[in-house]
Amino acid sequence: MILMGLELHHNPVMTPEVLHGLYVQPGGRYIDATLGEGGHSKAIIEACNPGGQVLGIDADPEAIQVANKRIDVSSDEFLGININFRDLRTTALRYRFAPVHGILFDLGVSSLQLDKESRGFSFKRADPLDMRFDLDQRMLASDIVNHYPEQELADLIYRFGEDPAARHIAKCIIRNRPIATSLDLGEIIQNNSPKRSRKIHPATLTFQALRIAVNDELNSLENGLEQALSLLGSGGRIVVISYHSLEDRIVKNLFKRESSNCICPPRSFSCQCDHTAIIKLVSRKVFKPSKIEINKNPRARSAKMRIAERI
């Protein structure tokens, strides 16, 4: 792992399951909507050769640099574009990359972002409270931590972190302002948290909430998934790997809605719904990493994969 050179190259999560879920075939065209370090894209390219193509996108410009070095293929096999997947459809059409045979979303923070200094995604280092994927956007985590009113801060931590201690954490943050670094914030939360038996660090959910808010992740996810479905050709697959319940709920609800011929509320006897299913669930089962993979890569432990196919 080389931070300065950005050559991290961590193993991507559930790669065999991703290739199987996408049903990768030679000559196919695929979109990796969360490129990261390019591990999944590299595996997809190898599986769809000869003649296959991958369009990789990521909101983080450093991810494009790392992926381009890692994949090292000719331009007709891979194209990496620095955009947020909320602009997925516009980008795919601009590069005439539609319809496609499969689209992958591997959500959450990549190893690149966790291990890269200066972003503030980790509470283990004294980095500035930034947390942006896209460095051109204005909102920083420090803006929320140091300027939001207590009630608004507590609501944000509870909504996006689902932390029952949200109000207590918000009070501690307010009391210790200004907070300069991610390490400071993590220590403030840890030192003032109720003594409870927890498998995760007390600051984990607060950091999750701040990251989601800074990057508007949930709205971007819903928009990106809807656009992805419109780009799939008949029989094309969409695979989504999520890491917490908020993401998984959005994926589950969208798949349920778009695989149904009716979206009226239950017990609606006057249904005149003209909604037509556009996908079918490949499996109702949620796929998870094997114990062997989790032992090798603990970050994979919370991953959940869902798969659907365009009708």
C-alpha atoms as a PDB file:
ATOM      1  CA  MET A   1       0.000   0.000   0.000  1.00  0.00           C
ATOM      2  CA  ILE A   2       1.468   3.360  -1.100  1.00  0.00           C
ATOM      3  CA  LEU A   3      -0.570   6.358   0.075  1.00  0.00           C
ATOM      4  CA  MET A   4       1.500   9.046  -1.598  1.00  0.00           C
ATOM      5  CA  GLY A   5       1.406   7.240  -4.943  1.00  0.00           C
ATOM      6  CA  LEU A   6      -2.238   6.255  -4.395  1.00  0.00           C
ATOM      7  CA  GLU A   7      -1.473   2.624  -5.272  1.00  0.00           C
ATOM      8  CA  LEU A   8      -3.539   0.930  -2.540  1.00  0.00           C
ATOM      9  CA  HIS A   9      -5.026  -2.054  -4.349  1.00  0.00           C
ATOM     10  CA  HIS A  10      -7.179  -3.620  -1.636  1.00  0.00           C
ATOM     11  CA  ASN A  11      -9.238  -6.623  -2.657  1.00  0.00           C
ATOM     12  CA  PRO A  12     -12.788  -5.704  -3.688  1.00  0.00           C
ATOM     13  CA  VAL A  13     -15.712  -7.244  -1.806  1.00  0.00           C
ATOM     14  CA  MET A  14     -17.466 -10.412  -3.050  1.00  0.00           C
ATOM     15  CA  THR A  15     -15.827 -10.443  -6.486  1.00  0.00           C
ATOM     16  CA  PRO A  16     -16.916 -13.993  -7.504  1.00  0.00           C
ATOM     17  CA  GLU A  17     -20.474 -13.209  -6.396  1.00  0.00           C
ATOM     18  CA  VAL A  18     -20.407  -9.932  -8.375  1.00  0.00           C
ATOM     19  CA  LEU A  19     -19.307 -11.670 -11.574  1.00  0.00           C
ATOM     20  CA  HIS A  20     -21.942 -14.364 -11.112  1.00  0.00           C
ATOM     21  CA  GLY A  21     -24.644 -11.847 -10.228  1.00  0.00           C
ATOM     22  CA  LEU A  22     -23.911  -9.683 -13.268  1.00  0.00           C
ATOM     23  CA  TYR A  23     -23.734 -12.845 -15.399  1.00  0.00           C
ATOM     24  CA  VAL A  24     -20.653 -11.408 -17.101  1.00  0.00           C
ATOM     25  CA  GLN A  25     -20.246 -12.660 -20.678  1.00  0.00           C
ATOM     26  CA  PRO A  26     -17.573 -12.151 -23.371  1.00  0.00           C
ATOM     27  CA  GLY A  27     -18.346  -9.095 -25.459  1.00  0.00           C
ATOM     28  CA  GLY A  28     -20.638  -7.576 -22.832  1.00  0.00           C
ATOM     29  CA  ARG A  29     -20.758  -3.933 -21.790  1.00  0.00           C
ATOM     30  CA  TYR A  30     -20.828  -3.108 -18.083  1.00  0.00           C
ATOM     31  CA  ILE A  31     -20.893  -0.044 -15.832  1.00  0.00           C
ATOM     32  CA  ASP A  32     -19.097   0.087 -12.503  1.00  0.00           C
ATOM     33  CA  ALA A  33     -20.941   2.964 -10.843  1.00  0.00           C
ATOM     34  CA  THR A  34     -18.635   3.004  -7.794  1.00  0.00           C
ATOM     35  CA  LEU A  35     -15.207   2.512  -9.327  1.00  0.00           C
ATOM     36  CA  GLY A  36     -13.096   2.954  -6.195  1.00  0.00           C
ATOM     37  CA  GLU A  37      -9.688   1.405  -6.737  1.00  0.00           C
ATOM     38  CA  GLY A  38     -10.904  -0.468  -9.832  1.00  0.00           C
ATOM     39  CA  GLY A  39     -10.779  -3.993  -8.409  1.00  0.00           C
ATOM     40  CA  HIS A  40     -14.264  -4.970  -9.542  1.00  0.00           C
ATOM     41  CA  SER A  41     -13.785  -3.297 -12.942  1.00  0.00           C
ATOM     42  CA  LYS A  42     -10.557  -5.187 -13.500  1.00  0.00           C
ATOM     43  CA  ALA A  43     -12.249  -8.507 -12.718  1.00  0.00           C
ATOM     44  CA  ILE A  44     -15.207  -7.677 -14.982  1.00  0.00           C
ATOM     45  CA  ILE A  45     -12.894  -6.747 -17.872  1.00  0.00           C
ATOM     46  CA  GLU A  46     -11.031 -10.035 -17.532  1.00  0.00           C
ATOM     47  CA  ALA A  47     -14.334 -11.954 -17.494  1.00  0.00           C
ATOM     48  CA  CYS A  48     -15.952 -10.147 -20.454  1.00  0.00           C
ATOM     49  CA  ASN A  49     -13.002 -10.466 -22.819  1.00  0.00           C
ATOM     50  CA  PRO A  50     -12.705 -10.744 -25.710  1.00  0.00           C
ATOM     51  CA  GLY A  51     -14.632  -7.723 -26.871  1.00  0.00           C
ATOM     52  CA  GLY A  52     -16.009  -6.546 -23.540  1.00  0.00           C
ATOM     53  CA  GLN A  53     -16.066  -2.978 -22.252  1.00  0.00           C
ATOM     54  CA  VAL A  54     -16.397  -1.331 -18.852  1.00  0.00           C
ATOM     55  CA  LEU A  55     -17.362   2.254 -18.031  1.00  0.00           C
ATOM     56  CA  GLY A  56     -16.175   3.099 -14.526  1.00  0.00           C
ATOM     57  CA  ILE A  57     -17.371   6.197 -12.684  1.00  0.00           C
ATOM     58  CA  ASP A  58     -16.565   7.687  -9.297  1.00  0.00           C
ATOM     59  CA  ALA A  59     -17.147  11.023  -7.565  1.00  0.00           C
ATOM     60  CA  ASP A  60     -13.614  10.917  -6.151  1.00  0.00           C
ATOM     61  CA  PRO A  61     -10.999  12.089  -8.693  1.00  0.00           C
ATOM     62  CA  GLU A  62      -8.266  10.150  -6.879  1.00  0.00           C
ATOM     63  CA  ALA A  63     -10.208   6.933  -7.433  1.00  0.00           C
ATOM     64  CA  ILE A  64      -9.960   7.463 -11.189  1.00  0.00           C
ATOM     65  CA  GLN A  65      -6.173   7.873 -10.920  1.00  0.00           C
ATOM     66  CA  VAL A  66      -5.778   4.679  -8.881  1.00  0.00           C
ATOM     67  CA  ALA A  67      -8.103   2.650 -11.120  1.00  0.00           C
ATOM     68  CA  ASN A  68      -6.370   3.780 -14.301  1.00  0.00           C
ATOM     69  CA  LYS A  69      -3.023   2.601 -12.904  1.00  0.00           C
ATOM     70  CA  ARG A  70      -4.453  -0.658 -11.612  1.00  0.00           C
ATOM     71  CA  ILE A  71      -6.351  -1.727 -14.703  1.00  0.00           C
ATOM     72  CA  ASP A  72      -3.752  -0.691 -17.283  1.00  0.00           C
ATOM     73  CA  VAL A  73      -5.826  -1.639 -20.317  1.00  0.00           C
ATOM     74  CA  SER A  74      -6.427  -0.099 -23.715  1.00  0.00           C
ATOM     75  CA  SER A  75      -9.007   2.673 -23.951  1.00  0.00           C
ATOM     76  CA  ASP A  76     -11.487   0.565 -25.895  1.00  0.00           C
ATOM     77  CA  GLU A  77     -11.803  -1.845 -22.934  1.00  0.00           C
ATOM     78  CA  PHE A  78     -12.082   0.639 -20.063  1.00  0.00           C
ATOM     79  CA  LEU A  79     -13.050   4.260 -19.578  1.00  0.00           C
ATOM     80  CA  GLY A  80     -12.898   5.955 -16.169  1.00  0.00           C
ATOM     81  CA  ILE A  81     -14.960   9.117 -15.627  1.00  0.00           C
ATOM     82  CA  ASN A  82     -14.953  11.412 -12.573  1.00  0.00           C
ATOM     83  CA  ILE A  83     -18.662  12.006 -11.885  1.00  0.00           C
ATOM     84  CA  ASN A  84     -21.196  11.151  -9.176  1.00  0.00           C
ATOM     85  CA  PHE A  85     -23.568   8.329 -10.070  1.00  0.00           C
ATOM     86  CA  ARG A  86     -26.448  10.781  -9.675  1.00  0.00           C
ATOM     87  CA  ASP A  87     -25.380  11.756 -13.230  1.00  0.00           C
ATOM     88  CA  LEU A  88     -25.109   8.169 -14.446  1.00  0.00           C
ATOM     89  CA  ARG A  89     -27.595   8.310 -17.327  1.00  0.00           C
ATOM     90  CA  THR A  90     -26.295  11.586 -18.766  1.00  0.00           C
ATOM     91  CA  THR A  91     -22.730  10.259 -18.682  1.00  0.00           C
ATOM     92  CA  ALA A  92     -23.575   6.879 -20.230  1.00  0.00           C
ATOM     93  CA  LEU A  93     -25.494   8.523 -23.069  1.00  0.00           C
ATOM     94  CA  ARG A  94     -22.732  11.077 -23.653  1.00  0.00           C
ATOM     95  CA  TYR A  95     -20.248   8.259 -24.230  1.00  0.00           C
ATOM     96  CA  ARG A  96     -22.787   6.135 -26.139  1.00  0.00           C
ATOM     97  CA  PHE A  97     -22.591   3.478 -23.468  1.00  0.00           C
ATOM     98  CA  ALA A  98     -26.194   2.258 -23.493  1.00  0.00           C
ATOM     99  CA  PRO A  99     -27.882  -0.150 -23.367  1.00  0.00           C
ATOM    100  CA  VAL A 100     -25.607  -2.254 -21.167  1.00  0.00           C
ATOM    101  CA  HIS A 101     -25.518  -5.850 -19.972  1.00  0.00           C
ATOM    102  CA  GLY A 102     -24.898  -5.053 -16.321  1.00  0.00           C
ATOM    103  CA  ILE A 103     -24.369  -2.322 -13.733  1.00  0.00           C
ATOM    104  CA  LEU A 104     -22.638  -2.614 -10.360  1.00  0.00           C
ATOM    105  CA  PHE A 105     -23.006  -0.404  -7.284  1.00  0.00           C
ATOM    106  CA  ASP A 106     -20.593  -1.186  -4.426  1.00  0.00           C
ATOM    107  CA  LEU A 107     -21.668   1.423  -1.894  1.00  0.00           C
ATOM    108  CA  GLY A 108     -19.972   2.863   1.165  1.00  0.00           C
ATOM    109  CA  VAL A 109     -16.498   4.232   1.774  1.00  0.00           C
ATOM    110  CA  SER A 110     -13.670   2.615  -0.159  1.00  0.00           C
ATOM    111  CA  SER A 111     -10.326   1.614   1.312  1.00  0.00           C
ATOM    112  CA  LEU A 112      -8.840   4.467  -0.701  1.00  0.00           C
ATOM    113  CA  GLN A 113     -10.905   7.006   1.239  1.00  0.00           C
ATOM    114  CA  LEU A 114     -10.445   5.351   4.633  1.00  0.00           C
ATOM    115  CA  ASP A 115      -6.691   5.095   4.209  1.00  0.00           C
ATOM    116  CA  LYS A 116      -6.101   8.427   2.496  1.00  0.00           C
ATOM    117  CA  GLU A 117      -5.031  11.200   4.811  1.00  0.00           C
ATOM    118  CA  SER A 118      -6.665  14.666   4.791  1.00  0.00           C
ATOM    119  CA  ARG A 119     -10.255  13.576   4.148  1.00  0.00           C
ATOM    120  CA  GLY A 120     -11.335  12.897   7.737  1.00  0.00           C
ATOM    121  CA  PHE A 121     -13.292   9.696   7.060  1.00  0.00           C
ATOM    122  CA  SER A 122     -11.458   7.864   9.850  1.00  0.00           C
ATOM    123  CA  PHE A 123     -11.501   8.686  13.566  1.00  0.00           C
ATOM    124  CA  LYS A 124      -8.102   7.008  13.965  1.00  0.00           C
ATOM    125  CA  ARG A 125      -6.055   9.942  12.595  1.00  0.00           C
ATOM    126  CA  ALA A 126      -5.903  13.687  13.159  1.00  0.00           C
ATOM    127  CA  ASP A 127      -7.224  14.673   9.717  1.00  0.00           C
ATOM    128  CA  PRO A 128      -9.317  17.753   8.871  1.00  0.00           C
ATOM    129  CA  LEU A 129     -13.081  17.210   9.117  1.00  0.00           C
ATOM    130  CA  ASP A 130     -13.740  17.129   5.377  1.00  0.00           C
ATOM    131  CA  MET A 131     -15.510  13.871   4.319  1.00  0.00           C
ATOM    132  CA  ARG A 132     -16.196  14.948   0.744  1.00  0.00           C
ATOM    133  CA  PHE A 133     -16.035  12.451  -2.122  1.00  0.00           C
ATOM    134  CA  ASP A 134     -16.162  15.296  -4.637  1.00  0.00           C
ATOM    135  CA  LEU A 135     -13.584  17.919  -3.661  1.00  0.00           C
ATOM    136  CA  ASP A 136     -15.365  20.607  -5.708  1.00  0.00           C
ATOM    137  CA  GLN A 137     -18.438  20.667  -3.499  1.00  0.00           C
ATOM    138  CA  ARG A 138     -18.718  23.283  -0.737  1.00  0.00           C
ATOM    139  CA  MET A 139     -20.166  21.435   2.265  1.00  0.00           C
ATOM    140  CA  LEU A 140     -17.613  20.030   4.728  1.00  0.00           C
ATOM    141  CA  ALA A 141     -18.139  17.847   7.776  1.00  0.00           C
ATOM    142  CA  SER A 142     -16.613  20.651   9.852  1.00  0.00           C
ATOM    143  CA  ASP A 143     -19.482  22.933   8.785  1.00  0.00           C
ATOM    144  CA  ILE A 144     -21.973  20.511  10.328  1.00  0.00           C
ATOM    145  CA  VAL A 145     -19.941  19.656  13.432  1.00  0.00           C
ATOM    146  CA  ASN A 146     -19.071  23.235  14.348  1.00  0.00           C
ATOM    147  CA  HIS A 147     -22.099  25.224  13.168  1.00  0.00           C
ATOM    148  CA  TYR A 148     -25.297  23.148  13.230  1.00  0.00           C
ATOM    149  CA  PRO A 149     -27.696  23.833  16.144  1.00  0.00           C
ATOM    150  CA  GLU A 150     -27.844  21.066  18.717  1.00  0.00           C
ATOM    151  CA  GLN A 151     -31.303  19.800  17.748  1.00  0.00           C
ATOM    152  CA  GLU A 152     -30.469  19.727  14.055  1.00  0.00           C
ATOM    153  CA  LEU A 153     -27.204  17.937  14.746  1.00  0.00           C
ATOM    154  CA  ALA A 154     -28.937  15.339  16.933  1.00  0.00           C
ATOM    155  CA  ASP A 155     -31.618  14.743  14.286  1.00  0.00           C
ATOM    156  CA  LEU A 156     -28.953  14.282  11.620  1.00  0.00           C
ATOM    157  CA  ILE A 157     -26.994  11.730  13.685  1.00  0.00           C
ATOM    158  CA  TYR A 158     -30.180   9.817  14.493  1.00  0.00           C
ATOM    159  CA  ARG A 159     -31.545   9.888  10.938  1.00  0.00           C
ATOM    160  CA  PHE A 160     -28.392   8.979   9.041  1.00  0.00           C
ATOM    161  CA  GLY A 161     -26.538   7.089  11.772  1.00  0.00           C
ATOM    162  CA  GLU A 162     -29.524   5.461  13.474  1.00  0.00           C
ATOM    163  CA  ASP A 163     -27.675   5.938  16.765  1.00  0.00           C
ATOM    164  CA  PRO A 164     -29.954   5.863  19.842  1.00  0.00           C
ATOM    165  CA  ALA A 165     -27.390   8.045  21.644  1.00  0.00           C
ATOM    166  CA  ALA A 166     -27.732  10.827  19.058  1.00  0.00           C
ATOM    167  CA  ARG A 167     -28.977  13.499  21.485  1.00  0.00           C
ATOM    168  CA  HIS A 168     -26.228  12.750  23.990  1.00  0.00           C
ATOM    169  CA  ILE A 169     -23.558  12.827  21.264  1.00  0.00           C
ATOM    170  CA  ALA A 170     -24.874  16.142  19.915  1.00  0.00           C
ATOM    171  CA  LYS A 171     -24.631  17.695  23.397  1.00  0.00           C
ATOM    172  CA  CYS A 172     -21.032  16.513  23.738  1.00  0.00           C
ATOM    173  CA  ILE A 173     -20.125  17.954  20.349  1.00  0.00           C
ATOM    174  CA  ILE A 174     -21.697  21.319  21.153  1.00  0.00           C
ATOM    175  CA  ARG A 175     -19.912  21.425  24.511  1.00  0.00           C
ATOM    176  CA  ASN A 176     -16.503  20.810  22.932  1.00  0.00           C
ATOM    177  CA  ARG A 177     -16.686  23.151  19.943  1.00  0.00           C
ATOM    178  CA  PRO A 178     -14.704  24.084  17.970  1.00  0.00           C
ATOM    179  CA  ILE A 179     -13.528  20.636  16.888  1.00  0.00           C
ATOM    180  CA  ALA A 180     -10.659  20.640  14.396  1.00  0.00           C
ATOM    181  CA  THR A 181      -9.878  17.042  13.450  1.00  0.00           C
ATOM    182  CA  SER A 182     -11.501  13.654  12.963  1.00  0.00           C
ATOM    183  CA  LEU A 183      -9.350  12.243  15.782  1.00  0.00           C
ATOM    184  CA  ASP A 184     -10.609  14.950  18.158  1.00  0.00           C
ATOM    185  CA  LEU A 185     -14.224  14.217  17.239  1.00  0.00           C
ATOM    186  CA  GLY A 186     -13.753  10.464  17.656  1.00  0.00           C
ATOM    187  CA  GLU A 187     -12.134  10.879  21.076  1.00  0.00           C
ATOM    188  CA  ILE A 188     -14.817  13.305  22.290  1.00  0.00           C
ATOM    189  CA  ILE A 189     -17.551  10.808  21.385  1.00  0.00           C
ATOM    190  CA  GLN A 190     -15.652   7.846  22.824  1.00  0.00           C
ATOM    191  CA  ASN A 191     -14.788   9.576  26.100  1.00  0.00           C
ATOM    192  CA  ASN A 192     -18.354  10.755  26.665  1.00  0.00           C
ATOM    193  CA  SER A 193     -20.308   7.719  25.479  1.00  0.00           C
ATOM    194  CA  PRO A 194     -22.343   5.589  27.887  1.00  0.00           C
ATOM    195  CA  LYS A 195     -20.549   2.395  28.848  1.00  0.00           C
ATOM    196  CA  ARG A 196     -22.314  -0.135  26.657  1.00  0.00           C
ATOM    197  CA  SER A 197     -21.307  -3.422  25.132  1.00  0.00           C
ATOM    198  CA  ARG A 198     -20.838  -2.552  21.455  1.00  0.00           C
ATOM    199  CA  LYS A 199     -19.032  -4.307  18.631  1.00  0.00           C
ATOM    200  CA  ILE A 200     -18.178  -1.013  16.945  1.00  0.00           C
ATOM    201  CA  HIS A 201     -16.422   2.175  18.024  1.00  0.00           C
ATOM    202  CA  PRO A 202     -18.897   4.655  19.627  1.00  0.00           C
ATOM    203  CA  ALA A 203     -18.107   7.246  16.925  1.00  0.00           C
ATOM    204  CA  THR A 204     -18.777   4.944  13.964  1.00  0.00           C
ATOM    205  CA  LEU A 205     -22.422   5.863  13.440  1.00  0.00           C
ATOM    206  CA  THR A 206     -21.794   9.591  13.876  1.00  0.00           C
ATOM    207  CA  PHE A 207     -19.074   9.480  11.221  1.00  0.00           C
ATOM    208  CA  GLN A 208     -21.433   7.541   8.964  1.00  0.00           C
ATOM    209  CA  ALA A 209     -24.137  10.168   9.464  1.00  0.00           C
ATOM    210  CA  LEU A 210     -21.795  13.061   8.713  1.00  0.00           C
ATOM    211  CA  ARG A 211     -20.453  11.391   5.568  1.00  0.00           C
ATOM    212  CA  ILE A 212     -23.970  10.662   4.277  1.00  0.00           C
ATOM    213  CA  ALA A 213     -25.083  14.235   4.924  1.00  0.00           C
ATOM    214  CA  VAL A 214     -22.006  15.869   3.383  1.00  0.00           C
ATOM    215  CA  ASN A 215     -22.289  13.841   0.174  1.00  0.00           C
ATOM    216  CA  ASP A 216     -26.107  13.644   0.004  1.00  0.00           C
ATOM    217  CA  GLU A 217     -25.608   9.915  -0.408  1.00  0.00           C
ATOM    218  CA  LEU A 218     -29.147   8.621  -0.012  1.00  0.00           C
ATOM    219  CA  ASN A 219     -30.729  10.951  -2.574  1.00  0.00           C
ATOM    220  CA  SER A 220     -27.858  10.247  -4.952  1.00  0.00           C
ATOM    221  CA  LEU A 221     -28.339   6.508  -4.484  1.00  0.00           C
ATOM    222  CA  GLU A 222     -32.043   6.569  -5.260  1.00  0.00           C
ATOM    223  CA  ASN A 223     -31.496   8.742  -8.338  1.00  0.00           C
ATOM    224  CA  GLY A 224     -28.565   6.626  -9.493  1.00  0.00           C
ATOM    225  CA  LEU A 225     -30.446   3.339  -9.153  1.00  0.00           C
ATOM    226  CA  GLU A 226     -33.452   4.643 -11.093  1.00  0.00           C
ATOM    227  CA  GLN A 227     -31.174   5.832 -13.885  1.00  0.00           C
ATOM    228  CA  ALA A 228     -29.326   2.512 -13.895  1.00  0.00           C
ATOM    229  CA  LEU A 229     -32.517   0.577 -14.545  1.00  0.00           C
ATOM    230  CA  SER A 230     -33.216   2.747 -17.583  1.00  0.00           C
ATOM    231  CA  LEU A 231     -29.780   1.929 -19.031  1.00  0.00           C
ATOM    232  CA  LEU A 232     -30.089  -1.850 -18.819  1.00  0.00           C
ATOM    233  CA  GLY A 233     -30.921  -3.802 -21.949  1.00  0.00           C
ATOM    234  CA  SER A 234     -33.388  -6.697 -21.837  1.00  0.00           C
ATOM    235  CA  GLY A 235     -31.907  -9.393 -19.595  1.00  0.00           C
ATOM    236  CA  GLY A 236     -29.331  -6.947 -18.180  1.00  0.00           C
ATOM    237  CA  ARG A 237     -28.450  -7.325 -14.502  1.00  0.00           C
ATOM    238  CA  ILE A 238     -28.026  -4.788 -11.704  1.00  0.00           C
ATOM    239  CA  VAL A 239     -26.009  -5.777  -8.629  1.00  0.00           C
ATOM    240  CA  VAL A 240     -25.959  -3.605  -5.512  1.00  0.00           C
ATOM    241  CA  ILE A 241     -23.756  -4.144  -2.462  1.00  0.00           C
ATOM    242  CA  SER A 242     -24.795  -2.058   0.555  1.00  0.00           C
ATOM    243  CA  TYR A 243     -23.235  -1.747   3.993  1.00  0.00           C
ATOM    244  CA  HIS A 244     -25.907  -0.357   6.295  1.00  0.00           C
ATOM    245  CA  SER A 245     -29.675  -0.526   6.656  1.00  0.00           C
ATOM    246  CA  LEU A 246     -30.391   2.904   5.163  1.00  0.00           C
ATOM    247  CA  GLU A 247     -28.769   1.949   1.857  1.00  0.00           C
ATOM    248  CA  ASP A 248     -30.213  -1.551   1.834  1.00  0.00           C
ATOM    249  CA  ARG A 249     -33.726  -0.230   2.514  1.00  0.00           C
ATOM    250  CA  ILE A 250     -33.554   2.049  -0.534  1.00  0.00           C
ATOM    251  CA  VAL A 251     -32.351  -0.816  -2.749  1.00  0.00           C
ATOM    252  CA  LYS A 252     -34.926  -3.260  -1.386  1.00  0.00           C
ATOM    253  CA  ASN A 253     -37.832  -0.830  -1.779  1.00  0.00           C
ATOM    254  CA  LEU A 254     -36.836   0.205  -5.312  1.00  0.00           C
ATOM    255  CA  PHE A 255     -36.439  -3.397  -6.442  1.00  0.00           C
ATOM    256  CA  LYS A 256     -39.779  -4.296  -4.872  1.00  0.00           C
ATOM    257  CA  ARG A 257     -41.548  -1.366  -6.539  1.00  0.00           C
ATOM    258  CA  GLU A 258     -40.070  -1.902  -9.992  1.00  0.00           C
ATOM    259  CA  SER A 259     -40.700  -5.664  -9.960  1.00  0.00           C
ATOM    260  CA  SER A 260     -44.401  -5.161  -9.238  1.00  0.00           C
ATOM    261  CA  ASN A 261     -47.312  -4.468 -11.593  1.00  0.00           C
ATOM    262  CA  CYS A 262     -49.050  -2.455  -8.899  1.00  0.00           C
ATOM    263  CA  ILE A 263     -47.701   0.197  -6.539  1.00  0.00           C
ATOM    264  CA  CYS A 264     -50.976   1.111  -4.845  1.00  0.00           C
ATOM    265  CA  PRO A 265     -51.081   0.936  -1.028  1.00  0.00           C
ATOM    266  CA  PRO A 266     -52.173  -2.412   0.467  1.00  0.00           C
ATOM    267  CA  ARG A 267     -55.975  -2.857   0.746  1.00  0.00           C
ATOM    268  CA  SER A 268     -56.563  -0.243  -1.966  1.00  0.00           C
ATOM    269  CA  PHE A 269     -59.753  -1.696  -3.447  1.00  0.00           C
ATOM    270  CA  SER A 270     -60.157   1.047  -6.055  1.00  0.00           C
ATOM    271  CA  CYS A 271     -56.801   0.349  -7.692  1.00  0.00           C
ATOM    272  CA  GLN A 272     -56.423   1.753 -11.181  1.00  0.00           C
ATOM    273  CA  CYS A 273     -52.671   1.456 -11.189  1.00  0.00           C
ATOM    274  CA  ASP A 274     -50.997   1.274 -14.591  1.00  0.00           C
ATOM    275  CA  HIS A 275     -47.532   0.630 -13.191  1.00  0.00           C
ATOM    276  CA  THR A 276     -45.764  -2.168 -15.066  1.00  0.00           C
ATOM    277  CA  ALA A 277     -42.857  -4.174 -13.726  1.00  0.00           C
ATOM    278  CA  ILE A 278     -39.548  -3.505 -15.484  1.00  0.00           C
ATOM    279  CA  ILE A 279     -37.328  -5.875 -13.492  1.00  0.00           C
ATOM    280  CA  LYS A 280     -37.517  -9.244 -11.830  1.00  0.00           C
ATOM    281  CA  LEU A 281     -35.636 -10.297  -8.724  1.00  0.00           C
ATOM    282  CA  VAL A 282     -32.932 -12.822  -9.532  1.00  0.00           C
ATOM    283  CA  SER A 283     -33.304 -14.020  -5.957  1.00  0.00           C
ATOM    284  CA  ARG A 284     -35.218 -12.829  -2.920  1.00  0.00           C
ATOM    285  CA  LYS A 285     -32.218 -13.925  -0.893  1.00  0.00           C
ATOM    286  CA  VAL A 286     -29.739 -11.303   0.319  1.00  0.00           C
ATOM    287  CA  PHE A 287     -26.229 -12.530  -0.433  1.00  0.00           C
ATOM    288  CA  LYS A 288     -23.456 -11.988   2.122  1.00  0.00           C
ATOM    289  CA  PRO A 289     -19.683 -12.531   2.148  1.00  0.00           C
ATOM    290  CA  SER A 290     -18.343 -15.907   3.189  1.00  0.00           C
ATOM    291  CA  LYS A 291     -16.707 -16.353   6.581  1.00  0.00           C
ATOM    292  CA  ILE A 292     -13.407 -16.896   4.789  1.00  0.00           C
ATOM    293  CA  GLU A 293     -13.675 -13.511   3.057  1.00  0.00           C
ATOM    294  CA  ILE A 294     -14.677 -11.737   6.272  1.00  0.00           C
ATOM    295  CA  ASN A 295     -11.665 -13.217   8.064  1.00  0.00           C
ATOM    296  CA  LYS A 296      -9.387 -11.889   5.320  1.00  0.00           C
ATOM    297  CA  ASN A 297     -11.181  -8.546   4.999  1.00  0.00           C
ATOM    298  CA  PRO A 298     -13.144  -7.496   8.127  1.00  0.00           C
ATOM    299  CA  ARG A 299     -14.535  -4.459   6.243  1.00  0.00           C
ATOM    300  CA  ALA A 300     -16.683  -6.891   4.255  1.00  0.00           C
ATOM    301  CA  ARG A 301     -18.595  -8.119   7.306  1.00  0.00           C
ATOM    302  CA  SER A 302     -21.619  -5.836   6.866  1.00  0.00           C
ATOM    303  CA  ALA A 303     -21.956  -6.223   3.071  1.00  0.00           C
ATOM    304  CA  LYS A 304     -25.328  -7.243   1.614  1.00  0.00           C
ATOM    305  CA  MET A 305     -25.835  -7.951  -2.083  1.00  0.00           C
ATOM    306  CA  ARG A 306     -29.092  -7.744  -4.021  1.00  0.00           C
ATOM    307  CA  ILE A 307     -29.549  -8.668  -7.692  1.00  0.00           C
ATOM    308  CA  ALA A 308     -32.278  -7.842 -10.227  1.00  0.00           C
ATOM    309  CA  GLU A 309     -32.700  -8.357 -13.969  1.00  0.00           C
ATOM    310  CA  ARG A 310     -34.313  -6.106 -16.570  1.00  0.00           C
ATOM    311  CA  ILE A 311     -37.373  -7.698 -18.155  1.00  0.00           C
END
